[in-house]
């Protein structure tokens, strides 16, 4: 009887230790996640001032107004990921020439704060990694009617930078008008940026990060 009680107590103690360890590990991992989130920040398209607008003709167009909003925001609120993306977009769209002298000084502060001179090289290296992934997937599934594309949202008017297994007649440097329209619509509706389309003529799935990897089927 005593042995049975001792055995049951031992099991309960061991179970309590295991549960405590699980909570400890979970708390540690959650803390590391929050720390990384604070350190690296969000993607620029998660902010309302993503600096592109859709014209009446459904073309993506750089928005200096939204760029200025983002510029002032990131001077006061640190987000290294989104701020560096904003600077990269600004450089791609010759933003210095579109800013007033006072705003140019603000941009210079932003550029210095987030080490803007290294952004082009870092972004190029980042995109190269995804280009390799697109090519690998495309070559792994040839002649299947699956089209793999890579979009660079820093230049929506010429965003298509990698294309494998072309089945829709797209061309490199084609724009991403539909994707930009969908992004702006979701910002207005406060929806998630990851979406699935039911229309077979549209994108079957979009992973919307700094660049967008998406796949079409016949």
N, C-alpha and C. Protein backbone atom coordinates (compact mmCIF):
# COMPACT_ATOMS: atom_id res chain seq x y z
N UNK A 1 0.84 -1.20 0.00
CA UNK A 1 0.00 0.00 0.00
C UNK A 1 0.87 1.26 0.00
N UNK A 2 1.87 1.23 0.91
CA UNK A 2 2.77 2.38 1.01
C UNK A 2 3.54 2.55 -0.29
N UNK A 3 3.99 1.43 -0.87
CA UNK A 3 4.73 1.50 -2.13
C UNK A 3 3.86 2.08 -3.24
N UNK A 4 2.58 1.70 -3.24
CA UNK A 4 1.68 2.21 -4.27
C UNK A 4 1.51 3.72 -4.14
N UNK A 5 1.38 4.19 -2.87
CA UNK A 5 1.24 5.62 -2.64
C UNK A 5 2.50 6.36 -3.05
N UNK A 6 3.66 5.79 -2.67
CA UNK A 6 4.94 6.40 -3.04
C UNK A 6 5.10 6.46 -4.55
N UNK A 7 4.69 5.37 -5.20
CA UNK A 7 4.80 5.31 -6.66
C UNK A 7 3.91 6.38 -7.31
N UNK A 8 2.69 6.53 -6.77
CA UNK A 8 1.78 7.53 -7.31
C UNK A 8 2.31 8.94 -7.09
N UNK A 9 2.90 9.18 -5.90
CA UNK A 9 3.48 10.48 -5.61
C UNK A 9 4.64 10.79 -6.55
N UNK A 10 5.44 9.75 -6.79
CA UNK A 10 6.59 9.94 -7.69
C UNK A 10 6.12 10.31 -9.09
N UNK A 11 5.08 9.63 -9.55
CA UNK A 11 4.53 9.93 -10.88
C UNK A 11 4.02 11.36 -10.93
N UNK A 12 3.31 11.78 -9.87
CA UNK A 12 2.77 13.14 -9.84
C UNK A 12 3.89 14.19 -9.82
N UNK A 13 4.94 13.90 -9.03
CA UNK A 13 6.06 14.83 -8.96
C UNK A 13 6.75 14.95 -10.31
N UNK A 14 7.00 13.81 -10.95
CA UNK A 14 7.65 13.81 -12.26
C UNK A 14 6.79 14.54 -13.28
N UNK A 15 5.47 14.28 -13.24
CA UNK A 15 4.56 14.95 -14.17
C UNK A 15 4.57 16.46 -13.95
N UNK A 16 4.60 16.87 -12.67
CA UNK A 16 4.63 18.30 -12.36
C UNK A 16 5.91 18.95 -12.87
N UNK A 17 7.03 18.22 -12.71
CA UNK A 17 8.32 18.74 -13.18
C UNK A 17 8.30 18.90 -14.69
N UNK A 18 7.76 17.88 -15.38
CA UNK A 18 7.70 17.92 -16.85
C UNK A 18 6.84 19.09 -17.32
N UNK A 19 5.67 19.26 -16.69
CA UNK A 19 4.77 20.36 -17.06
C UNK A 19 5.45 21.70 -16.81
N UNK A 20 6.13 21.81 -15.66
CA UNK A 20 6.83 23.06 -15.35
C UNK A 20 7.91 23.36 -16.38
N UNK A 21 8.65 22.31 -16.77
CA UNK A 21 9.69 22.49 -17.78
C UNK A 21 9.10 22.92 -19.11
N UNK A 22 7.95 22.32 -19.46
CA UNK A 22 7.29 22.69 -20.71
C UNK A 22 6.87 24.16 -20.69
N UNK A 23 6.29 24.59 -19.56
CA UNK A 23 5.91 26.00 -19.44
C UNK A 23 7.14 26.91 -19.51
N UNK A 24 8.22 26.46 -18.87
CA UNK A 24 9.45 27.25 -18.86
C UNK A 24 10.01 27.40 -20.27
N UNK A 25 10.06 26.28 -21.00
CA UNK A 25 10.58 26.31 -22.37
C UNK A 25 9.68 27.15 -23.27
N UNK A 26 8.35 26.98 -23.11
CA UNK A 26 7.40 27.75 -23.91
C UNK A 26 7.56 29.25 -23.64
N UNK A 27 7.68 29.60 -22.36
CA UNK A 27 7.87 31.00 -22.02
C UNK A 27 9.16 31.57 -22.57
N UNK A 28 10.22 30.76 -22.52
CA UNK A 28 11.51 31.20 -23.06
C UNK A 28 11.42 31.44 -24.56
N UNK A 29 10.83 30.47 -25.27
CA UNK A 29 10.71 30.59 -26.72
C UNK A 29 9.83 31.78 -27.11
N UNK A 30 8.74 31.98 -26.36
CA UNK A 30 7.86 33.12 -26.65
C UNK A 30 8.60 34.44 -26.41
N UNK A 31 9.39 34.48 -25.34
CA UNK A 31 10.17 35.68 -25.06
C UNK A 31 11.18 35.96 -26.15
N UNK A 32 11.84 34.90 -26.66
CA UNK A 32 12.81 35.08 -27.75
C UNK A 32 12.11 35.56 -29.01
N UNK A 33 10.91 35.02 -29.25
CA UNK A 33 10.15 35.45 -30.43
C UNK A 33 9.81 36.94 -30.34
N UNK A 34 9.33 37.36 -29.17
CA UNK A 34 8.96 38.77 -28.99
C UNK A 34 10.20 39.66 -29.12
N UNK A 35 11.32 39.17 -28.60
CA UNK A 35 12.56 39.94 -28.69
C UNK A 35 12.99 40.11 -30.15
N UNK A 36 12.91 39.00 -30.91
CA UNK A 36 13.27 39.07 -32.33
C UNK A 36 12.31 39.97 -33.08
N UNK A 37 11.04 39.90 -32.71
CA UNK A 37 10.04 40.74 -33.37
C UNK A 37 10.34 42.22 -33.13
N UNK A 38 10.71 42.55 -31.90
CA UNK A 38 11.04 43.94 -31.60
C UNK A 38 12.31 44.37 -32.31
N UNK A 39 13.26 43.45 -32.41
CA UNK A 39 14.55 43.78 -33.01
C UNK A 39 14.44 44.00 -34.51
N UNK A 40 13.76 43.09 -35.19
CA UNK A 40 13.75 43.14 -36.64
C UNK A 40 12.51 43.83 -37.22
N UNK A 41 11.43 43.88 -36.47
CA UNK A 41 10.28 44.65 -36.91
C UNK A 41 9.38 43.94 -37.90
N UNK A 42 8.50 44.73 -38.52
CA UNK A 42 7.50 44.22 -39.45
C UNK A 42 7.91 44.56 -40.87
N UNK A 43 7.13 44.02 -41.81
CA UNK A 43 7.33 44.37 -43.21
C UNK A 43 6.58 45.66 -43.53
N UNK A 44 7.10 46.41 -44.48
CA UNK A 44 6.55 47.72 -44.79
C UNK A 44 5.09 47.64 -45.23
N UNK A 45 4.73 46.58 -45.96
CA UNK A 45 3.35 46.50 -46.45
C UNK A 45 2.34 46.29 -45.33
N UNK A 46 2.82 46.02 -44.12
CA UNK A 46 1.92 45.88 -42.98
C UNK A 46 1.49 47.24 -42.42
N UNK A 47 2.14 48.30 -42.87
CA UNK A 47 1.79 49.65 -42.43
C UNK A 47 0.83 50.30 -43.43
N UNK A 48 0.01 51.22 -42.93
CA UNK A 48 -0.97 51.90 -43.79
C UNK A 48 -0.31 52.81 -44.81
N UNK A 49 0.92 53.22 -44.57
CA UNK A 49 1.58 54.16 -45.48
C UNK A 49 2.52 53.47 -46.47
N UNK A 50 2.23 52.22 -46.80
CA UNK A 50 3.01 51.57 -47.87
C UNK A 50 2.98 52.51 -49.08
N UNK A 51 4.16 52.97 -49.57
CA UNK A 51 4.20 54.15 -50.45
C UNK A 51 3.88 53.90 -51.92
N UNK A 52 2.81 53.21 -52.17
CA UNK A 52 2.32 53.06 -53.54
C UNK A 52 0.81 53.19 -53.52
N UNK A 53 0.27 53.77 -54.57
CA UNK A 53 -1.17 53.89 -54.70
C UNK A 53 -1.58 53.33 -56.06
N UNK A 54 -2.86 53.03 -56.17
CA UNK A 54 -3.40 52.51 -57.43
C UNK A 54 -4.14 53.63 -58.13
N UNK A 55 -3.77 53.92 -59.37
CA UNK A 55 -4.41 55.00 -60.13
C UNK A 55 -5.76 54.54 -60.66
N UNK A 56 -6.51 55.47 -61.23
CA UNK A 56 -7.81 55.13 -61.82
C UNK A 56 -7.65 54.14 -62.97
N UNK A 57 -6.48 54.17 -63.60
CA UNK A 57 -6.22 53.24 -64.70
C UNK A 57 -5.69 51.91 -64.20
N UNK A 58 -5.71 51.72 -62.86
CA UNK A 58 -5.24 50.49 -62.23
C UNK A 58 -3.75 50.25 -62.45
N UNK A 59 -2.97 51.32 -62.35
CA UNK A 59 -1.52 51.20 -62.39
C UNK A 59 -0.96 51.53 -61.01
N UNK A 60 0.10 50.83 -60.64
CA UNK A 60 0.77 51.14 -59.39
C UNK A 60 1.64 52.37 -59.55
N UNK A 61 1.53 53.31 -58.62
CA UNK A 61 2.28 54.56 -58.73
C UNK A 61 2.87 54.92 -57.37
N UNK A 62 4.13 55.33 -57.37
CA UNK A 62 4.81 55.74 -56.14
C UNK A 62 4.08 56.92 -55.50
N UNK A 63 3.93 56.86 -54.19
CA UNK A 63 3.20 57.90 -53.46
C UNK A 63 4.16 58.67 -52.54
N UNK A 64 4.62 59.86 -52.96
CA UNK A 64 5.50 60.66 -52.09
C UNK A 64 4.85 61.00 -50.76
N UNK A 65 3.54 61.20 -50.76
CA UNK A 65 2.84 61.55 -49.52
C UNK A 65 2.99 60.43 -48.49
N UNK A 66 2.69 59.20 -48.90
CA UNK A 66 2.82 58.07 -47.98
C UNK A 66 4.28 57.85 -47.59
N UNK A 67 5.18 58.09 -48.53
CA UNK A 67 6.60 57.95 -48.22
C UNK A 67 6.99 58.92 -47.10
N UNK A 68 6.52 60.16 -47.19
CA UNK A 68 6.84 61.15 -46.16
C UNK A 68 6.27 60.74 -44.80
N UNK A 69 5.05 60.19 -44.82
CA UNK A 69 4.45 59.72 -43.56
C UNK A 69 5.33 58.63 -42.93
N UNK A 70 5.75 57.69 -43.76
CA UNK A 70 6.62 56.62 -43.26
C UNK A 70 7.95 57.14 -42.77
N UNK A 71 8.49 58.10 -43.50
CA UNK A 71 9.78 58.68 -43.15
C UNK A 71 9.75 59.28 -41.74
N UNK A 72 8.74 60.08 -41.46
CA UNK A 72 8.62 60.71 -40.14
C UNK A 72 8.32 59.66 -39.06
N UNK A 73 7.51 58.67 -39.42
CA UNK A 73 7.15 57.64 -38.44
C UNK A 73 8.39 56.87 -37.98
N UNK A 74 9.24 56.46 -38.94
CA UNK A 74 10.38 55.62 -38.58
C UNK A 74 11.53 56.41 -37.95
N UNK A 75 11.49 57.71 -38.04
CA UNK A 75 12.45 58.50 -37.28
C UNK A 75 12.11 58.49 -35.79
N UNK A 76 10.81 58.41 -35.50
CA UNK A 76 10.36 58.42 -34.11
C UNK A 76 10.17 57.01 -33.55
N UNK A 77 9.86 56.04 -34.42
CA UNK A 77 9.58 54.67 -33.99
C UNK A 77 10.49 53.71 -34.74
N UNK A 78 11.31 52.97 -34.00
CA UNK A 78 12.28 52.09 -34.65
C UNK A 78 11.63 50.84 -35.21
N UNK A 79 11.92 50.55 -36.46
CA UNK A 79 11.55 49.30 -37.10
C UNK A 79 12.55 49.12 -38.25
N UNK A 80 13.61 48.38 -37.99
CA UNK A 80 14.71 48.30 -38.95
C UNK A 80 14.28 47.63 -40.25
N UNK A 81 13.42 46.65 -40.16
CA UNK A 81 12.99 45.96 -41.38
C UNK A 81 12.20 46.89 -42.29
N UNK A 82 11.11 47.45 -41.76
CA UNK A 82 10.23 48.29 -42.58
C UNK A 82 10.92 49.58 -43.01
N UNK A 83 11.71 50.17 -42.12
CA UNK A 83 12.38 51.44 -42.46
C UNK A 83 13.38 51.25 -43.59
N UNK A 84 14.12 50.16 -43.55
CA UNK A 84 15.09 49.90 -44.61
C UNK A 84 14.39 49.58 -45.93
N UNK A 85 13.24 48.92 -45.85
CA UNK A 85 12.45 48.68 -47.05
C UNK A 85 11.96 50.00 -47.64
N UNK A 86 11.54 50.91 -46.76
CA UNK A 86 11.08 52.23 -47.20
C UNK A 86 12.21 52.98 -47.91
N UNK A 87 13.40 52.95 -47.33
CA UNK A 87 14.54 53.64 -47.93
C UNK A 87 14.87 53.03 -49.29
N UNK A 88 14.83 51.71 -49.38
CA UNK A 88 15.13 51.05 -50.65
C UNK A 88 14.15 51.49 -51.73
N UNK A 89 12.87 51.53 -51.38
CA UNK A 89 11.85 51.98 -52.33
C UNK A 89 12.09 53.43 -52.72
N UNK A 90 12.44 54.25 -51.74
CA UNK A 90 12.73 55.65 -52.03
C UNK A 90 13.87 55.81 -53.01
N UNK A 91 14.94 55.06 -52.81
CA UNK A 91 16.09 55.13 -53.71
C UNK A 91 15.72 54.65 -55.11
N UNK A 92 14.89 53.61 -55.18
CA UNK A 92 14.46 53.08 -56.47
C UNK A 92 13.61 54.09 -57.25
N UNK A 93 12.94 54.96 -56.53
CA UNK A 93 12.03 55.92 -57.16
C UNK A 93 12.54 57.36 -57.10
N UNK A 94 13.85 57.52 -56.91
CA UNK A 94 14.48 58.84 -56.94
C UNK A 94 13.75 59.83 -56.04
N UNK A 95 13.51 59.41 -54.81
CA UNK A 95 12.67 60.19 -53.91
C UNK A 95 13.31 61.53 -53.52
N UNK A 96 14.62 61.59 -53.51
CA UNK A 96 15.28 62.83 -53.10
C UNK A 96 14.85 64.01 -53.98
N UNK A 97 14.67 63.71 -55.27
CA UNK A 97 14.27 64.78 -56.20
C UNK A 97 12.81 65.18 -56.02
N UNK A 98 12.03 64.37 -55.29
CA UNK A 98 10.62 64.66 -55.10
C UNK A 98 10.32 65.29 -53.74
N UNK A 99 11.35 65.46 -52.92
CA UNK A 99 11.16 66.02 -51.59
C UNK A 99 11.59 67.48 -51.55
N UNK A 100 10.88 68.25 -50.74
CA UNK A 100 11.28 69.63 -50.50
C UNK A 100 12.59 69.65 -49.69
N UNK A 101 13.34 70.76 -49.74
CA UNK A 101 14.62 70.83 -49.02
C UNK A 101 14.52 70.41 -47.55
N UNK A 102 13.47 70.86 -46.86
CA UNK A 102 13.31 70.50 -45.45
C UNK A 102 13.11 69.00 -45.29
N UNK A 103 12.32 68.40 -46.22
CA UNK A 103 12.07 66.96 -46.16
C UNK A 103 13.31 66.17 -46.55
N UNK A 104 14.14 66.73 -47.41
CA UNK A 104 15.39 66.06 -47.77
C UNK A 104 16.29 65.90 -46.56
N UNK A 105 16.28 66.88 -45.67
CA UNK A 105 17.07 66.79 -44.45
C UNK A 105 16.54 65.69 -43.54
N UNK A 106 15.21 65.58 -43.48
CA UNK A 106 14.60 64.51 -42.68
C UNK A 106 14.98 63.15 -43.27
N UNK A 107 14.94 63.06 -44.59
CA UNK A 107 15.29 61.79 -45.24
C UNK A 107 16.76 61.45 -44.99
N UNK A 108 17.62 62.45 -45.00
CA UNK A 108 19.04 62.22 -44.72
C UNK A 108 19.24 61.65 -43.32
N UNK A 109 18.44 62.14 -42.36
CA UNK A 109 18.51 61.61 -41.00
C UNK A 109 18.06 60.15 -40.96
N UNK A 110 16.98 59.87 -41.68
CA UNK A 110 16.47 58.51 -41.74
C UNK A 110 17.50 57.58 -42.39
N UNK A 111 18.09 58.05 -43.47
CA UNK A 111 19.08 57.28 -44.22
C UNK A 111 20.27 56.93 -43.33
N UNK A 112 20.70 57.90 -42.54
CA UNK A 112 21.84 57.67 -41.64
C UNK A 112 21.46 56.75 -40.48
N UNK A 113 20.27 56.95 -39.93
CA UNK A 113 19.84 56.17 -38.77
C UNK A 113 19.78 54.68 -39.09
N UNK A 114 19.32 54.34 -40.30
CA UNK A 114 19.15 52.93 -40.66
C UNK A 114 20.22 52.43 -41.63
N UNK A 115 21.36 53.14 -41.66
CA UNK A 115 22.51 52.68 -42.44
C UNK A 115 22.12 52.42 -43.89
N UNK A 116 21.55 53.44 -44.50
CA UNK A 116 20.97 53.29 -45.84
C UNK A 116 21.94 52.89 -46.92
N UNK A 117 23.24 53.20 -46.76
CA UNK A 117 24.19 52.90 -47.82
C UNK A 117 24.39 51.40 -48.03
N UNK A 118 23.99 50.57 -47.06
CA UNK A 118 24.15 49.12 -47.21
C UNK A 118 22.89 48.43 -47.71
N UNK A 119 21.80 49.17 -47.83
CA UNK A 119 20.50 48.55 -48.12
C UNK A 119 20.45 47.90 -49.48
N UNK A 120 20.96 48.56 -50.51
CA UNK A 120 20.88 48.01 -51.86
C UNK A 120 21.57 46.65 -51.94
N UNK A 121 22.76 46.54 -51.35
CA UNK A 121 23.49 45.27 -51.38
C UNK A 121 22.75 44.20 -50.58
N UNK A 122 22.24 44.56 -49.40
CA UNK A 122 21.51 43.60 -48.57
C UNK A 122 20.26 43.11 -49.27
N UNK A 123 19.53 44.02 -49.91
CA UNK A 123 18.29 43.65 -50.61
C UNK A 123 18.60 42.76 -51.80
N UNK A 124 19.66 43.09 -52.53
CA UNK A 124 20.05 42.27 -53.67
C UNK A 124 20.38 40.85 -53.22
N UNK A 125 21.11 40.73 -52.12
CA UNK A 125 21.47 39.41 -51.60
C UNK A 125 20.22 38.66 -51.15
N UNK A 126 19.30 39.37 -50.50
CA UNK A 126 18.05 38.76 -50.04
C UNK A 126 17.24 38.21 -51.21
N UNK A 127 17.08 39.03 -52.26
CA UNK A 127 16.30 38.61 -53.42
C UNK A 127 16.98 37.47 -54.16
N UNK A 128 18.30 37.46 -54.19
CA UNK A 128 19.02 36.37 -54.86
C UNK A 128 18.68 35.03 -54.24
N UNK A 129 18.53 34.99 -52.92
CA UNK A 129 18.18 33.74 -52.25
C UNK A 129 16.83 33.23 -52.73
N UNK A 130 15.85 34.12 -52.85
CA UNK A 130 14.53 33.71 -53.30
C UNK A 130 14.51 33.39 -54.79
N UNK A 131 15.34 34.06 -55.57
CA UNK A 131 15.44 33.73 -56.98
C UNK A 131 15.92 32.30 -57.15
N UNK A 132 16.88 31.90 -56.33
CA UNK A 132 17.37 30.51 -56.39
C UNK A 132 16.27 29.53 -56.03
N UNK A 133 15.46 29.89 -55.03
CA UNK A 133 14.36 29.01 -54.63
C UNK A 133 13.36 28.85 -55.78
N UNK A 134 13.00 29.97 -56.43
CA UNK A 134 12.05 29.94 -57.54
C UNK A 134 12.58 29.05 -58.66
N UNK A 135 13.84 29.23 -59.01
CA UNK A 135 14.42 28.44 -60.10
C UNK A 135 14.46 26.96 -59.74
N UNK A 136 14.79 26.67 -58.48
CA UNK A 136 14.86 25.28 -58.03
C UNK A 136 13.48 24.62 -58.10
N UNK A 137 12.46 25.32 -57.62
CA UNK A 137 11.10 24.77 -57.66
C UNK A 137 10.65 24.60 -59.11
N UNK A 138 10.92 25.60 -59.95
CA UNK A 138 10.51 25.53 -61.34
C UNK A 138 11.15 24.37 -62.08
N UNK A 139 12.44 24.15 -61.83
CA UNK A 139 13.14 23.06 -62.51
C UNK A 139 12.79 21.70 -61.92
N UNK A 140 12.30 21.69 -60.68
CA UNK A 140 11.90 20.43 -60.05
C UNK A 140 10.54 19.96 -60.56
N UNK A 141 9.71 20.89 -61.05
CA UNK A 141 8.37 20.53 -61.54
C UNK A 141 8.14 21.09 -62.94
N UNK A 142 8.92 20.64 -63.92
CA UNK A 142 8.75 21.15 -65.29
C UNK A 142 7.54 20.51 -65.96
N UNK A 143 6.97 21.22 -66.93
CA UNK A 143 5.88 20.69 -67.76
C UNK A 143 4.70 20.20 -66.93
N UNK A 144 4.39 20.91 -65.86
CA UNK A 144 3.25 20.52 -65.01
C UNK A 144 2.14 21.55 -65.04
N UNK A 145 2.31 22.63 -65.79
CA UNK A 145 1.30 23.68 -65.81
C UNK A 145 1.35 24.57 -64.59
N UNK A 146 2.42 24.45 -63.79
CA UNK A 146 2.57 25.29 -62.60
C UNK A 146 3.60 26.38 -62.90
N UNK A 147 3.18 27.62 -62.78
CA UNK A 147 4.05 28.76 -63.04
C UNK A 147 4.51 29.37 -61.72
N UNK A 148 5.81 29.54 -61.58
CA UNK A 148 6.39 30.08 -60.36
C UNK A 148 6.97 31.45 -60.66
N UNK A 149 6.58 32.45 -59.86
CA UNK A 149 7.03 33.82 -60.09
C UNK A 149 7.56 34.44 -58.80
N UNK A 150 8.45 35.40 -58.97
CA UNK A 150 8.96 36.16 -57.84
C UNK A 150 8.75 37.64 -58.12
N UNK A 151 8.03 38.32 -57.23
CA UNK A 151 7.78 39.76 -57.37
C UNK A 151 8.59 40.54 -56.34
N UNK A 152 9.12 41.67 -56.76
CA UNK A 152 9.79 42.61 -55.87
C UNK A 152 8.88 43.82 -55.72
N UNK A 153 8.25 43.96 -54.55
CA UNK A 153 7.27 45.02 -54.34
C UNK A 153 7.90 46.40 -54.21
N UNK A 154 9.22 46.49 -54.28
CA UNK A 154 9.85 47.81 -54.28
C UNK A 154 9.60 48.55 -55.58
N UNK A 155 9.22 47.82 -56.62
CA UNK A 155 8.98 48.42 -57.93
C UNK A 155 7.76 47.75 -58.57
N UNK A 156 6.54 48.06 -58.08
CA UNK A 156 5.35 47.38 -58.58
C UNK A 156 5.14 47.49 -60.08
N UNK A 157 5.62 48.57 -60.69
CA UNK A 157 5.42 48.74 -62.13
C UNK A 157 6.25 47.76 -62.95
N UNK A 158 7.35 47.25 -62.37
CA UNK A 158 8.22 46.29 -63.07
C UNK A 158 8.65 45.21 -62.09
N UNK A 159 7.69 44.66 -61.37
CA UNK A 159 8.02 43.85 -60.20
C UNK A 159 8.47 42.43 -60.50
N UNK A 160 8.10 41.88 -61.65
CA UNK A 160 8.39 40.47 -61.92
C UNK A 160 9.87 40.29 -62.25
N UNK A 161 10.61 39.67 -61.33
CA UNK A 161 12.06 39.56 -61.51
C UNK A 161 12.53 38.14 -61.80
N UNK A 162 11.71 37.15 -61.52
CA UNK A 162 12.07 35.76 -61.83
C UNK A 162 10.82 35.01 -62.27
N UNK A 163 10.97 34.19 -63.30
CA UNK A 163 9.82 33.48 -63.87
C UNK A 163 10.26 32.10 -64.34
N UNK A 164 9.57 31.07 -63.87
CA UNK A 164 9.85 29.70 -64.28
C UNK A 164 8.56 29.03 -64.75
N UNK A 165 8.67 28.21 -65.79
CA UNK A 165 7.53 27.45 -66.33
C UNK A 165 6.39 28.38 -66.75
N UNK A 166 6.69 29.29 -67.63
CA UNK A 166 5.72 30.30 -68.06
C UNK A 166 4.53 29.65 -68.76
N UNK A 167 3.34 29.81 -68.18
CA UNK A 167 2.13 29.27 -68.79
C UNK A 167 1.07 30.35 -69.01
N UNK A 168 1.35 31.58 -68.58
CA UNK A 168 0.35 32.65 -68.69
C UNK A 168 0.77 33.75 -69.64
N UNK A 169 1.93 33.62 -70.26
CA UNK A 169 2.38 34.64 -71.19
C UNK A 169 2.97 35.87 -70.54
N UNK A 170 3.32 35.77 -69.26
CA UNK A 170 3.94 36.90 -68.58
C UNK A 170 5.37 37.09 -69.07
N UNK A 171 5.93 38.26 -68.75
CA UNK A 171 7.31 38.58 -69.12
C UNK A 171 8.02 39.19 -67.92
N UNK A 172 9.34 39.00 -67.87
CA UNK A 172 10.12 39.63 -66.83
C UNK A 172 9.92 41.15 -66.88
N UNK A 173 9.89 41.77 -65.71
CA UNK A 173 9.65 43.20 -65.54
C UNK A 173 8.20 43.60 -65.80
N UNK A 174 7.29 42.63 -65.89
CA UNK A 174 5.87 42.96 -65.90
C UNK A 174 5.50 43.51 -64.52
N UNK A 175 4.45 44.29 -64.48
CA UNK A 175 4.01 44.86 -63.21
C UNK A 175 3.17 43.90 -62.39
N UNK A 176 2.85 44.31 -61.18
CA UNK A 176 2.06 43.48 -60.28
C UNK A 176 0.80 44.21 -59.85
N UNK A 177 0.10 44.77 -60.84
CA UNK A 177 -1.05 45.62 -60.55
C UNK A 177 -2.09 44.92 -59.68
N UNK A 178 -2.47 43.68 -60.03
CA UNK A 178 -3.50 42.97 -59.26
C UNK A 178 -3.06 42.75 -57.82
N UNK A 179 -1.79 42.41 -57.64
CA UNK A 179 -1.28 42.19 -56.30
C UNK A 179 -1.30 43.48 -55.49
N UNK A 180 -0.92 44.58 -56.11
CA UNK A 180 -0.92 45.87 -55.42
C UNK A 180 -2.34 46.30 -55.07
N UNK A 181 -3.27 46.12 -55.99
CA UNK A 181 -4.67 46.45 -55.73
C UNK A 181 -5.19 45.63 -54.55
N UNK A 182 -4.86 44.34 -54.54
CA UNK A 182 -5.31 43.46 -53.47
C UNK A 182 -4.70 43.90 -52.13
N UNK A 183 -3.42 44.27 -52.16
CA UNK A 183 -2.75 44.72 -50.95
C UNK A 183 -3.42 45.97 -50.39
N UNK A 184 -3.67 46.97 -51.24
CA UNK A 184 -4.30 48.21 -50.78
C UNK A 184 -5.73 47.95 -50.28
N UNK A 185 -6.45 47.05 -50.97
CA UNK A 185 -7.81 46.72 -50.53
C UNK A 185 -7.77 46.10 -49.13
N UNK A 186 -6.83 45.20 -48.91
CA UNK A 186 -6.74 44.54 -47.62
C UNK A 186 -6.30 45.51 -46.52
N UNK A 187 -5.50 46.50 -46.89
CA UNK A 187 -5.16 47.53 -45.91
C UNK A 187 -6.40 48.30 -45.47
N UNK A 188 -7.25 48.63 -46.43
CA UNK A 188 -8.48 49.36 -46.11
C UNK A 188 -9.42 48.53 -45.25
N UNK A 189 -9.45 47.21 -45.50
CA UNK A 189 -10.34 46.33 -44.76
C UNK A 189 -9.68 45.76 -43.51
N UNK A 190 -8.39 46.11 -43.31
CA UNK A 190 -7.64 45.62 -42.15
C UNK A 190 -7.60 44.10 -42.13
N UNK A 191 -7.35 43.50 -43.29
CA UNK A 191 -7.26 42.05 -43.41
C UNK A 191 -5.80 41.62 -43.44
N UNK A 192 -5.60 40.30 -43.26
CA UNK A 192 -4.25 39.76 -43.35
C UNK A 192 -3.74 39.89 -44.77
N UNK A 193 -2.39 39.94 -44.90
CA UNK A 193 -1.78 40.10 -46.21
C UNK A 193 -1.54 38.77 -46.92
N UNK A 194 -1.76 37.66 -46.22
CA UNK A 194 -1.62 36.36 -46.86
C UNK A 194 -3.00 35.92 -47.30
N UNK A 195 -3.16 35.58 -48.57
CA UNK A 195 -4.48 35.31 -49.07
C UNK A 195 -4.48 34.16 -50.08
N UNK A 196 -5.65 33.58 -50.25
CA UNK A 196 -5.86 32.55 -51.26
C UNK A 196 -6.99 33.00 -52.16
N UNK A 197 -6.79 32.88 -53.49
CA UNK A 197 -7.80 33.30 -54.45
C UNK A 197 -8.54 32.08 -54.98
N UNK A 198 -9.85 32.21 -55.18
CA UNK A 198 -10.64 31.13 -55.73
C UNK A 198 -10.73 31.19 -57.24
N UNK A 199 -10.50 32.35 -57.83
CA UNK A 199 -10.58 32.51 -59.27
C UNK A 199 -9.44 31.75 -59.94
N UNK A 200 -9.73 30.74 -60.80
CA UNK A 200 -8.67 29.96 -61.42
C UNK A 200 -7.79 30.78 -62.34
N UNK A 201 -8.25 31.96 -62.77
CA UNK A 201 -7.44 32.80 -63.63
C UNK A 201 -6.54 33.74 -62.84
N UNK A 202 -6.70 33.71 -61.52
CA UNK A 202 -5.89 34.57 -60.66
C UNK A 202 -4.90 33.69 -59.91
N UNK A 203 -4.15 34.33 -59.05
CA UNK A 203 -3.14 33.62 -58.29
C UNK A 203 -3.79 32.61 -57.36
N UNK A 204 -3.26 31.38 -57.35
CA UNK A 204 -3.78 30.36 -56.47
C UNK A 204 -3.34 30.58 -55.03
N UNK A 205 -2.17 31.08 -54.84
CA UNK A 205 -1.72 31.34 -53.48
C UNK A 205 -0.64 32.39 -53.50
N UNK A 206 -0.67 33.26 -52.51
CA UNK A 206 0.34 34.32 -52.46
C UNK A 206 0.94 34.35 -51.07
N UNK A 207 2.24 34.28 -51.06
CA UNK A 207 2.94 34.51 -49.81
C UNK A 207 3.49 35.91 -49.91
N UNK A 208 2.90 36.84 -49.17
CA UNK A 208 3.22 38.26 -49.35
C UNK A 208 4.21 38.70 -48.28
N UNK A 209 5.45 38.77 -48.63
CA UNK A 209 6.46 39.30 -47.74
C UNK A 209 7.10 40.45 -48.46
N UNK A 210 8.38 40.68 -48.24
CA UNK A 210 9.03 41.79 -48.96
C UNK A 210 8.97 41.53 -50.44
N UNK A 211 9.13 40.28 -50.84
CA UNK A 211 8.86 39.90 -52.21
C UNK A 211 7.77 38.86 -52.16
N UNK A 212 7.11 38.61 -53.25
CA UNK A 212 5.97 37.71 -53.26
C UNK A 212 6.24 36.55 -54.19
N UNK A 213 6.17 35.36 -53.62
CA UNK A 213 6.33 34.14 -54.39
C UNK A 213 4.95 33.56 -54.58
N UNK A 214 4.51 33.44 -55.82
CA UNK A 214 3.18 32.89 -56.00
C UNK A 214 3.11 31.98 -57.20
N UNK A 215 2.08 31.19 -57.23
CA UNK A 215 2.03 30.08 -58.15
C UNK A 215 0.70 30.06 -58.88
N UNK A 216 0.74 29.86 -60.21
CA UNK A 216 -0.47 29.82 -61.02
C UNK A 216 -0.64 28.42 -61.59
N UNK A 217 -1.89 28.02 -61.80
CA UNK A 217 -2.18 26.76 -62.46
C UNK A 217 -3.04 27.03 -63.69
N UNK A 218 -2.96 26.14 -64.65
CA UNK A 218 -3.80 26.27 -65.83
C UNK A 218 -5.27 26.16 -65.42
